[in-house]
Amino acid sequence: GMLGAWVSQATFNPPGITVAIAKDR
């Protein structure tokens, strides 16, 4: 697991999100 603050809702249908993850995580 990791701490994440770069998260955003991306779509309504289907419900979707985007998450940004550093390459070395």
mmCIF file of all heavy atoms, coordinates in Angstrom:
data_MODEL
# 
_entry.id   MODEL 
# 
loop_
_atom_site.group_PDB 
_atom_site.id 
_atom_site.type_symbol 
_atom_site.label_atom_id 
_atom_site.label_alt_id 
_atom_site.label_comp_id 
_atom_site.label_asym_id 
_atom_site.label_entity_id 
_atom_site.label_seq_id 
_atom_site.pdbx_PDB_ins_code 
_atom_site.Cartn_x 
_atom_site.Cartn_y 
_atom_site.Cartn_z 
_atom_site.occupancy 
_atom_site.B_iso_or_equiv 
_atom_site.pdbx_formal_charge 
_atom_site.auth_seq_id 
_atom_site.auth_comp_id 
_atom_site.auth_asym_id 
_atom_site.auth_atom_id 
_atom_site.pdbx_PDB_model_num 
ATOM 1   N N   . GLY A 1 1  ? 0.819   -1.204 0.000   1.00 0.00 ? 1  GLY A N   1 
ATOM 2   C CA  . GLY A 1 1  ? 0.000   0.000  0.000   1.00 0.00 ? 1  GLY A CA  1 
ATOM 3   C C   . GLY A 1 1  ? 0.851   1.252  0.000   1.00 0.00 ? 1  GLY A C   1 
ATOM 4   O O   . GLY A 1 1  ? 2.059   1.210  0.236   1.00 0.00 ? 1  GLY A O   1 
ATOM 5   N N   . MET A 1 2  ? 0.223   2.398  -0.274  1.00 0.00 ? 2  MET A N   1 
ATOM 6   C CA  . MET A 1 2  ? 0.927   3.680  -0.309  1.00 0.00 ? 2  MET A CA  1 
ATOM 7   C C   . MET A 1 2  ? -0.052  4.807  -0.016  1.00 0.00 ? 2  MET A C   1 
ATOM 8   O O   . MET A 1 2  ? -1.279  4.670  -0.177  1.00 0.00 ? 2  MET A O   1 
ATOM 9   C CB  . MET A 1 2  ? 1.572   3.915  -1.673  1.00 0.00 ? 2  MET A CB  1 
ATOM 10  C CG  . MET A 1 2  ? 0.604   3.944  -2.839  1.00 0.00 ? 2  MET A CG  1 
ATOM 11  S SD  . MET A 1 2  ? 1.289   4.661  -4.360  1.00 0.00 ? 2  MET A SD  1 
ATOM 12  C CE  . MET A 1 2  ? 0.799   6.382  -4.138  1.00 0.00 ? 2  MET A CE  1 
ATOM 13  N N   . LEU A 1 3  ? 0.502   5.915  0.424   1.00 0.00 ? 3  LEU A N   1 
ATOM 14  C CA  . LEU A 1 3  ? -0.291  7.125  0.616   1.00 0.00 ? 3  LEU A CA  1 
ATOM 15  C C   . LEU A 1 3  ? -0.505  7.784  -0.736  1.00 0.00 ? 3  LEU A C   1 
ATOM 16  O O   . LEU A 1 3  ? 0.426   7.889  -1.544  1.00 0.00 ? 3  LEU A O   1 
ATOM 17  C CB  . LEU A 1 3  ? 0.452   8.078  1.552   1.00 0.00 ? 3  LEU A CB  1 
ATOM 18  C CG  . LEU A 1 3  ? -0.304  9.339  1.964   1.00 0.00 ? 3  LEU A CG  1 
ATOM 19  C CD1 . LEU A 1 3  ? -1.425  8.987  2.933   1.00 0.00 ? 3  LEU A CD1 1 
ATOM 20  C CD2 . LEU A 1 3  ? 0.650   10.335 2.612   1.00 0.00 ? 3  LEU A CD2 1 
ATOM 21  N N   . GLY A 1 4  ? -1.724  8.203  -1.011  1.00 0.00 ? 4  GLY A N   1 
ATOM 22  C CA  . GLY A 1 4  ? -2.010  8.833  -2.288  1.00 0.00 ? 4  GLY A CA  1 
ATOM 23  C C   . GLY A 1 4  ? -2.863  10.067 -2.123  1.00 0.00 ? 4  GLY A C   1 
ATOM 24  O O   . GLY A 1 4  ? -3.889  10.042 -1.435  1.00 0.00 ? 4  GLY A O   1 
ATOM 25  N N   . ALA A 1 5  ? -2.427  11.179 -2.713  1.00 0.00 ? 5  ALA A N   1 
ATOM 26  C CA  . ALA A 1 5  ? -3.223  12.404 -2.698  1.00 0.00 ? 5  ALA A CA  1 
ATOM 27  C C   . ALA A 1 5  ? -3.537  12.878 -4.112  1.00 0.00 ? 5  ALA A C   1 
ATOM 28  O O   . ALA A 1 5  ? -4.272  13.839 -4.283  1.00 0.00 ? 5  ALA A O   1 
ATOM 29  C CB  . ALA A 1 5  ? -2.491  13.506 -1.922  1.00 0.00 ? 5  ALA A CB  1 
ATOM 30  N N   . TRP A 1 6  ? -2.939  12.200 -5.103  1.00 0.00 ? 6  TRP A N   1 
ATOM 31  C CA  . TRP A 1 6  ? -3.194  12.566 -6.494  1.00 0.00 ? 6  TRP A CA  1 
ATOM 32  C C   . TRP A 1 6  ? -4.253  11.637 -7.067  1.00 0.00 ? 6  TRP A C   1 
ATOM 33  O O   . TRP A 1 6  ? -3.998  10.807 -7.931  1.00 0.00 ? 6  TRP A O   1 
ATOM 34  C CB  . TRP A 1 6  ? -1.905  12.501 -7.301  1.00 0.00 ? 6  TRP A CB  1 
ATOM 35  C CG  . TRP A 1 6  ? -0.908  13.547 -6.888  1.00 0.00 ? 6  TRP A CG  1 
ATOM 36  C CD1 . TRP A 1 6  ? -0.996  14.404 -5.832  1.00 0.00 ? 6  TRP A CD1 1 
ATOM 37  C CD2 . TRP A 1 6  ? 0.320   13.847 -7.538  1.00 0.00 ? 6  TRP A CD2 1 
ATOM 38  N NE1 . TRP A 1 6  ? 0.102   15.215 -5.767  1.00 0.00 ? 6  TRP A NE1 1 
ATOM 39  C CE2 . TRP A 1 6  ? 0.938   14.902 -6.803  1.00 0.00 ? 6  TRP A CE2 1 
ATOM 40  C CE3 . TRP A 1 6  ? 0.979   13.346 -8.647  1.00 0.00 ? 6  TRP A CE3 1 
ATOM 41  C CZ2 . TRP A 1 6  ? 2.164   15.445 -7.165  1.00 0.00 ? 6  TRP A CZ2 1 
ATOM 42  C CZ3 . TRP A 1 6  ? 2.212   13.883 -9.010  1.00 0.00 ? 6  TRP A CZ3 1 
ATOM 43  C CH2 . TRP A 1 6  ? 2.795   14.926 -8.281  1.00 0.00 ? 6  TRP A CH2 1 
ATOM 44  N N   . VAL A 1 7  ? -5.467  11.787 -6.548  1.00 0.00 ? 7  VAL A N   1 
ATOM 45  C CA  . VAL A 1 7  ? -6.595  10.946 -6.943  1.00 0.00 ? 7  VAL A CA  1 
ATOM 46  C C   . VAL A 1 7  ? -7.731  11.850 -7.385  1.00 0.00 ? 7  VAL A C   1 
ATOM 47  O O   . VAL A 1 7  ? -7.999  12.883 -6.761  1.00 0.00 ? 7  VAL A O   1 
ATOM 48  C CB  . VAL A 1 7  ? -7.073  10.055 -5.769  1.00 0.00 ? 7  VAL A CB  1 
ATOM 49  C CG1 . VAL A 1 7  ? -8.242  9.177  -6.203  1.00 0.00 ? 7  VAL A CG1 1 
ATOM 50  C CG2 . VAL A 1 7  ? -5.929  9.208  -5.237  1.00 0.00 ? 7  VAL A CG2 1 
ATOM 51  N N   . SER A 1 8  ? -8.404  11.457 -8.459  1.00 0.00 ? 8  SER A N   1 
ATOM 52  C CA  . SER A 1 8  ? -9.517  12.280 -8.945  1.00 0.00 ? 8  SER A CA  1 
ATOM 53  C C   . SER A 1 8  ? -10.562 11.404 -9.604  1.00 0.00 ? 8  SER A C   1 
ATOM 54  O O   . SER A 1 8  ? -10.232 10.387 -10.222 1.00 0.00 ? 8  SER A O   1 
ATOM 55  C CB  . SER A 1 8  ? -9.000  13.308 -9.960  1.00 0.00 ? 8  SER A CB  1 
ATOM 56  O OG  . SER A 1 8  ? -10.070 14.081 -10.493 1.00 0.00 ? 8  SER A OG  1 
ATOM 57  N N   . GLN A 1 9  ? -11.829 11.782 -9.468  1.00 0.00 ? 9  GLN A N   1 
ATOM 58  C CA  . GLN A 1 9  ? -12.864 11.097 -10.238 1.00 0.00 ? 9  GLN A CA  1 
ATOM 59  C C   . GLN A 1 9  ? -12.674 11.456 -11.708 1.00 0.00 ? 9  GLN A C   1 
ATOM 60  O O   . GLN A 1 9  ? -12.422 12.608 -12.057 1.00 0.00 ? 9  GLN A O   1 
ATOM 61  C CB  . GLN A 1 9  ? -14.259 11.499 -9.771  1.00 0.00 ? 9  GLN A CB  1 
ATOM 62  C CG  . GLN A 1 9  ? -15.351 10.723 -10.500 1.00 0.00 ? 9  GLN A CG  1 
ATOM 63  C CD  . GLN A 1 9  ? -16.732 10.920 -9.889  1.00 0.00 ? 9  GLN A CD  1 
ATOM 64  O OE1 . GLN A 1 9  ? -16.876 11.507 -8.832  1.00 0.00 ? 9  GLN A OE1 1 
ATOM 65  N NE2 . GLN A 1 9  ? -17.753 10.419 -10.568 1.00 0.00 ? 9  GLN A NE2 1 
ATOM 66  N N   . ALA A 1 10 ? -12.814 10.454 -12.567 1.00 0.00 ? 10 ALA A N   1 
ATOM 67  C CA  . ALA A 1 10 ? -12.551 10.665 -13.988 1.00 0.00 ? 10 ALA A CA  1 
ATOM 68  C C   . ALA A 1 10 ? -13.785 10.488 -14.857 1.00 0.00 ? 10 ALA A C   1 
ATOM 69  O O   . ALA A 1 10 ? -13.912 11.144 -15.891 1.00 0.00 ? 10 ALA A O   1 
ATOM 70  C CB  . ALA A 1 10 ? -11.455 9.720  -14.460 1.00 0.00 ? 10 ALA A CB  1 
ATOM 71  N N   . THR A 1 11 ? -14.682 9.564  -14.479 1.00 0.00 ? 11 THR A N   1 
ATOM 72  C CA  . THR A 1 11 ? -15.857 9.282  -15.305 1.00 0.00 ? 11 THR A CA  1 
ATOM 73  C C   . THR A 1 11 ? -17.078 9.061  -14.430 1.00 0.00 ? 11 THR A C   1 
ATOM 74  O O   . THR A 1 11 ? -16.973 8.666  -13.263 1.00 0.00 ? 11 THR A O   1 
ATOM 75  C CB  . THR A 1 11 ? -15.635 8.029  -16.175 1.00 0.00 ? 11 THR A CB  1 
ATOM 76  O OG1 . THR A 1 11 ? -15.272 6.926  -15.328 1.00 0.00 ? 11 THR A OG1 1 
ATOM 77  C CG2 . THR A 1 11 ? -14.542 8.243  -17.203 1.00 0.00 ? 11 THR A CG2 1 
ATOM 78  N N   . PHE A 1 12 ? -18.262 9.343  -15.022 1.00 0.00 ? 12 PHE A N   1 
ATOM 79  C CA  . PHE A 1 12 ? -19.539 9.052  -14.364 1.00 0.00 ? 12 PHE A CA  1 
ATOM 80  C C   . PHE A 1 12 ? -20.029 7.642  -14.705 1.00 0.00 ? 12 PHE A C   1 
ATOM 81  O O   . PHE A 1 12 ? -20.494 6.909  -13.840 1.00 0.00 ? 12 PHE A O   1 
ATOM 82  C CB  . PHE A 1 12 ? -20.604 10.068 -14.803 1.00 0.00 ? 12 PHE A CB  1 
ATOM 83  C CG  . PHE A 1 12 ? -20.398 11.442 -14.232 1.00 0.00 ? 12 PHE A CG  1 
ATOM 84  C CD1 . PHE A 1 12 ? -20.405 12.550 -15.061 1.00 0.00 ? 12 PHE A CD1 1 
ATOM 85  C CD2 . PHE A 1 12 ? -20.202 11.632 -12.872 1.00 0.00 ? 12 PHE A CD2 1 
ATOM 86  C CE1 . PHE A 1 12 ? -20.219 13.826 -14.546 1.00 0.00 ? 12 PHE A CE1 1 
ATOM 87  C CE2 . PHE A 1 12 ? -20.025 12.904 -12.343 1.00 0.00 ? 12 PHE A CE2 1 
ATOM 88  C CZ  . PHE A 1 12 ? -20.033 14.003 -13.191 1.00 0.00 ? 12 PHE A CZ  1 
ATOM 89  N N   . ASN A 1 13 ? -19.949 7.308  -15.992 1.00 0.00 ? 13 ASN A N   1 
ATOM 90  C CA  . ASN A 1 13 ? -20.510 6.044  -16.443 1.00 0.00 ? 13 ASN A CA  1 
ATOM 91  C C   . ASN A 1 13 ? -19.530 5.348  -17.397 1.00 0.00 ? 13 ASN A C   1 
ATOM 92  O O   . ASN A 1 13 ? -19.361 5.776  -18.529 1.00 0.00 ? 13 ASN A O   1 
ATOM 93  C CB  . ASN A 1 13 ? -21.849 6.289  -17.167 1.00 0.00 ? 13 ASN A CB  1 
ATOM 94  C CG  . ASN A 1 13 ? -22.544 4.995  -17.523 1.00 0.00 ? 13 ASN A CG  1 
ATOM 95  O OD1 . ASN A 1 13 ? -22.281 3.951  -16.929 1.00 0.00 ? 13 ASN A OD1 1 
ATOM 96  N ND2 . ASN A 1 13 ? -23.438 5.061  -18.502 1.00 0.00 ? 13 ASN A ND2 1 
ATOM 97  N N   . PRO A 1 14 ? -18.839 4.304  -16.922 1.00 0.00 ? 14 PRO A N   1 
ATOM 98  C CA  . PRO A 1 14 ? -18.924 3.760  -15.571 1.00 0.00 ? 14 PRO A CA  1 
ATOM 99  C C   . PRO A 1 14 ? -18.233 4.669  -14.573 1.00 0.00 ? 14 PRO A C   1 
ATOM 100 O O   . PRO A 1 14 ? -17.378 5.484  -14.978 1.00 0.00 ? 14 PRO A O   1 
ATOM 101 C CB  . PRO A 1 14 ? -18.181 2.425  -15.697 1.00 0.00 ? 14 PRO A CB  1 
ATOM 102 C CG  . PRO A 1 14 ? -17.146 2.685  -16.748 1.00 0.00 ? 14 PRO A CG  1 
ATOM 103 C CD  . PRO A 1 14 ? -17.821 3.585  -17.740 1.00 0.00 ? 14 PRO A CD  1 
ATOM 104 N N   . PRO A 1 15 ? -18.548 4.546  -13.285 1.00 0.00 ? 15 PRO A N   1 
ATOM 105 C CA  . PRO A 1 15 ? -17.824 5.360  -12.308 1.00 0.00 ? 15 PRO A CA  1 
ATOM 106 C C   . PRO A 1 15 ? -16.347 4.996  -12.325 1.00 0.00 ? 15 PRO A C   1 
ATOM 107 O O   . PRO A 1 15 ? -15.988 3.824  -12.228 1.00 0.00 ? 15 PRO A O   1 
ATOM 108 C CB  . PRO A 1 15 ? -18.485 4.987  -10.973 1.00 0.00 ? 15 PRO A CB  1 
ATOM 109 C CG  . PRO A 1 15 ? -19.129 3.665  -11.220 1.00 0.00 ? 15 PRO A CG  1 
ATOM 110 C CD  . PRO A 1 15 ? -19.535 3.661  -12.659 1.00 0.00 ? 15 PRO A CD  1 
ATOM 111 N N   . GLY A 1 16 ? -15.502 6.006  -12.504 1.00 0.00 ? 16 GLY A N   1 
ATOM 112 C CA  . GLY A 1 16 ? -14.076 5.723  -12.627 1.00 0.00 ? 16 GLY A CA  1 
ATOM 113 C C   . GLY A 1 16 ? -13.229 6.804  -12.000 1.00 0.00 ? 16 GLY A C   1 
ATOM 114 O O   . GLY A 1 16 ? -13.670 7.952  -11.828 1.00 0.00 ? 16 GLY A O   1 
ATOM 115 N N   . ILE A 1 17 ? -11.994 6.458  -11.652 1.00 0.00 ? 17 ILE A N   1 
ATOM 116 C CA  . ILE A 1 17 ? -11.064 7.390  -11.031 1.00 0.00 ? 17 ILE A CA  1 
ATOM 117 C C   . ILE A 1 17 ? -9.715  7.302  -11.717 1.00 0.00 ? 17 ILE A C   1 
ATOM 118 O O   . ILE A 1 17 ? -9.421  6.324  -12.408 1.00 0.00 ? 17 ILE A O   1 
ATOM 119 C CB  . ILE A 1 17 ? -10.882 7.099  -9.528  1.00 0.00 ? 17 ILE A CB  1 
ATOM 120 C CG1 . ILE A 1 17 ? -10.287 5.697  -9.306  1.00 0.00 ? 17 ILE A CG1 1 
ATOM 121 C CG2 . ILE A 1 17 ? -12.203 7.238  -8.772  1.00 0.00 ? 17 ILE A CG2 1 
ATOM 122 C CD1 . ILE A 1 17 ? -9.898  5.413  -7.867  1.00 0.00 ? 17 ILE A CD1 1 
ATOM 123 N N   . THR A 1 18 ? -8.893  8.326  -11.525 1.00 0.00 ? 18 THR A N   1 
ATOM 124 C CA  . THR A 1 18 ? -7.488  8.268  -11.934 1.00 0.00 ? 18 THR A CA  1 
ATOM 125 C C   . THR A 1 18 ? -6.612  8.409  -10.692 1.00 0.00 ? 18 THR A C   1 
ATOM 126 O O   . THR A 1 18 ? -6.952  9.134  -9.759  1.00 0.00 ? 18 THR A O   1 
ATOM 127 C CB  . THR A 1 18 ? -7.116  9.376  -12.936 1.00 0.00 ? 18 THR A CB  1 
ATOM 128 O OG1 . THR A 1 18 ? -7.419  10.656 -12.369 1.00 0.00 ? 18 THR A OG1 1 
ATOM 129 C CG2 . THR A 1 18 ? -7.863  9.192  -14.242 1.00 0.00 ? 18 THR A CG2 1 
ATOM 130 N N   . VAL A 1 19 ? -5.502  7.710  -10.714 1.00 0.00 ? 19 VAL A N   1 
ATOM 131 C CA  . VAL A 1 19 ? -4.530  7.761  -9.626  1.00 0.00 ? 19 VAL A CA  1 
ATOM 132 C C   . VAL A 1 19 ? -3.152  7.928  -10.241 1.00 0.00 ? 19 VAL A C   1 
ATOM 133 O O   . VAL A 1 19 ? -2.793  7.209  -11.179 1.00 0.00 ? 19 VAL A O   1 
ATOM 134 C CB  . VAL A 1 19 ? -4.557  6.465  -8.777  1.00 0.00 ? 19 VAL A CB  1 
ATOM 135 C CG1 . VAL A 1 19 ? -3.564  6.568  -7.630  1.00 0.00 ? 19 VAL A CG1 1 
ATOM 136 C CG2 . VAL A 1 19 ? -5.957  6.171  -8.256  1.00 0.00 ? 19 VAL A CG2 1 
ATOM 137 N N   . ALA A 1 20 ? -2.366  8.880  -9.748  1.00 0.00 ? 20 ALA A N   1 
ATOM 138 C CA  . ALA A 1 20 ? -0.990  9.069  -10.209 1.00 0.00 ? 20 ALA A CA  1 
ATOM 139 C C   . ALA A 1 20 ? -0.050  8.378  -9.229  1.00 0.00 ? 20 ALA A C   1 
ATOM 140 O O   . ALA A 1 20 ? -0.122  8.598  -8.019  1.00 0.00 ? 20 ALA A O   1 
ATOM 141 C CB  . ALA A 1 20 ? -0.657  10.546 -10.318 1.00 0.00 ? 20 ALA A CB  1 
ATOM 142 N N   . ILE A 1 21 ? 0.832   7.535  -9.759  1.00 0.00 ? 21 ILE A N   1 
ATOM 143 C CA  . ILE A 1 21 ? 1.728   6.735  -8.918  1.00 0.00 ? 21 ILE A CA  1 
ATOM 144 C C   . ILE A 1 21 ? 3.157   6.904  -9.418  1.00 0.00 ? 21 ILE A C   1 
ATOM 145 O O   . ILE A 1 21 ? 3.442   6.693  -10.603 1.00 0.00 ? 21 ILE A O   1 
ATOM 146 C CB  . ILE A 1 21 ? 1.341   5.248  -8.957  1.00 0.00 ? 21 ILE A CB  1 
ATOM 147 C CG1 . ILE A 1 21 ? -0.095  5.070  -8.467  1.00 0.00 ? 21 ILE A CG1 1 
ATOM 148 C CG2 . ILE A 1 21 ? 2.294   4.406  -8.122  1.00 0.00 ? 21 ILE A CG2 1 
ATOM 149 C CD1 . ILE A 1 21 ? -0.614  3.660  -8.623  1.00 0.00 ? 21 ILE A CD1 1 
ATOM 150 N N   . ALA A 1 22 ? 4.061   7.285  -8.519  1.00 0.00 ? 22 ALA A N   1 
ATOM 151 C CA  . ALA A 1 22 ? 5.470   7.412  -8.883  1.00 0.00 ? 22 ALA A CA  1 
ATOM 152 C C   . ALA A 1 22 ? 6.012   6.068  -9.346  1.00 0.00 ? 22 ALA A C   1 
ATOM 153 O O   . ALA A 1 22 ? 5.609   5.013  -8.845  1.00 0.00 ? 22 ALA A O   1 
ATOM 154 C CB  . ALA A 1 22 ? 6.269   7.928  -7.691  1.00 0.00 ? 22 ALA A CB  1 
ATOM 155 N N   . LYS A 1 23 ? 6.942   6.100  -10.285 1.00 0.00 ? 23 LYS A N   1 
ATOM 156 C CA  . LYS A 1 23 ? 7.419   4.866  -10.909 1.00 0.00 ? 23 LYS A CA  1 
ATOM 157 C C   . LYS A 1 23 ? 8.158   3.949  -9.942  1.00 0.00 ? 23 LYS A C   1 
ATOM 158 O O   . LYS A 1 23 ? 8.230   2.735  -10.175 1.00 0.00 ? 23 LYS A O   1 
ATOM 159 C CB  . LYS A 1 23 ? 8.329   5.202  -12.102 1.00 0.00 ? 23 LYS A CB  1 
ATOM 160 C CG  . LYS A 1 23 ? 7.578   5.785  -13.283 1.00 0.00 ? 23 LYS A CG  1 
ATOM 161 C CD  . LYS A 1 23 ? 8.506   6.074  -14.443 1.00 0.00 ? 23 LYS A CD  1 
ATOM 162 C CE  . LYS A 1 23 ? 7.725   6.545  -15.661 1.00 0.00 ? 23 LYS A CE  1 
ATOM 163 N NZ  . LYS A 1 23 ? 8.614   6.862  -16.804 1.00 0.00 ? 23 LYS A NZ  1 
ATOM 164 N N   . ASP A 1 24 ? 8.721   4.518  -8.869  1.00 0.00 ? 24 ASP A N   1 
ATOM 165 C CA  . ASP A 1 24 ? 9.484   3.673  -7.954  1.00 0.00 ? 24 ASP A CA  1 
ATOM 166 C C   . ASP A 1 24 ? 8.666   3.159  -6.775  1.00 0.00 ? 24 ASP A C   1 
ATOM 167 O O   . ASP A 1 24 ? 9.208   2.571  -5.845  1.00 0.00 ? 24 ASP A O   1 
ATOM 168 C CB  . ASP A 1 24 ? 10.724  4.415  -7.445  1.00 0.00 ? 24 ASP A CB  1 
ATOM 169 C CG  . ASP A 1 24 ? 10.377  5.699  -6.700  1.00 0.00 ? 24 ASP A CG  1 
ATOM 170 O OD1 . ASP A 1 24 ? 9.180   6.028  -6.589  1.00 0.00 ? 24 ASP A OD1 1 
ATOM 171 O OD2 . ASP A 1 24 ? 11.315  6.378  -6.212  1.00 0.00 ? 24 ASP A OD2 1 
ATOM 172 N N   . ARG A 1 25 ? 7.353   3.343  -6.783  1.00 0.00 ? 25 ARG A N   1 
ATOM 173 C CA  . ARG A 1 25 ? 6.510   2.843  -5.698  1.00 0.00 ? 25 ARG A CA  1 
ATOM 174 C C   . ARG A 1 25 ? 6.363   1.330  -5.791  1.00 0.00 ? 25 ARG A C   1 
ATOM 175 O O   . ARG A 1 25 ? 6.220   0.764  -6.884  1.00 0.00 ? 25 ARG A O   1 
ATOM 176 C CB  . ARG A 1 25 ? 5.132   3.482  -5.757  1.00 0.00 ? 25 ARG A CB  1 
ATOM 177 C CG  . ARG A 1 25 ? 5.132   4.980  -5.529  1.00 0.00 ? 25 ARG A CG  1 
ATOM 178 C CD  . ARG A 1 25 ? 5.331   5.315  -4.069  1.00 0.00 ? 25 ARG A CD  1 
ATOM 179 N NE  . ARG A 1 25 ? 5.132   6.733  -3.812  1.00 0.00 ? 25 ARG A NE  1 
ATOM 180 C CZ  . ARG A 1 25 ? 5.130   7.284  -2.611  1.00 0.00 ? 25 ARG A CZ  1 
ATOM 181 N NH1 . ARG A 1 25 ? 5.316   6.527  -1.553  1.00 0.00 ? 25 ARG A NH1 1 
ATOM 182 N NH2 . ARG A 1 25 ? 4.950   8.579  -2.469  1.00 0.00 ? 25 ARG A NH2 1 
# 
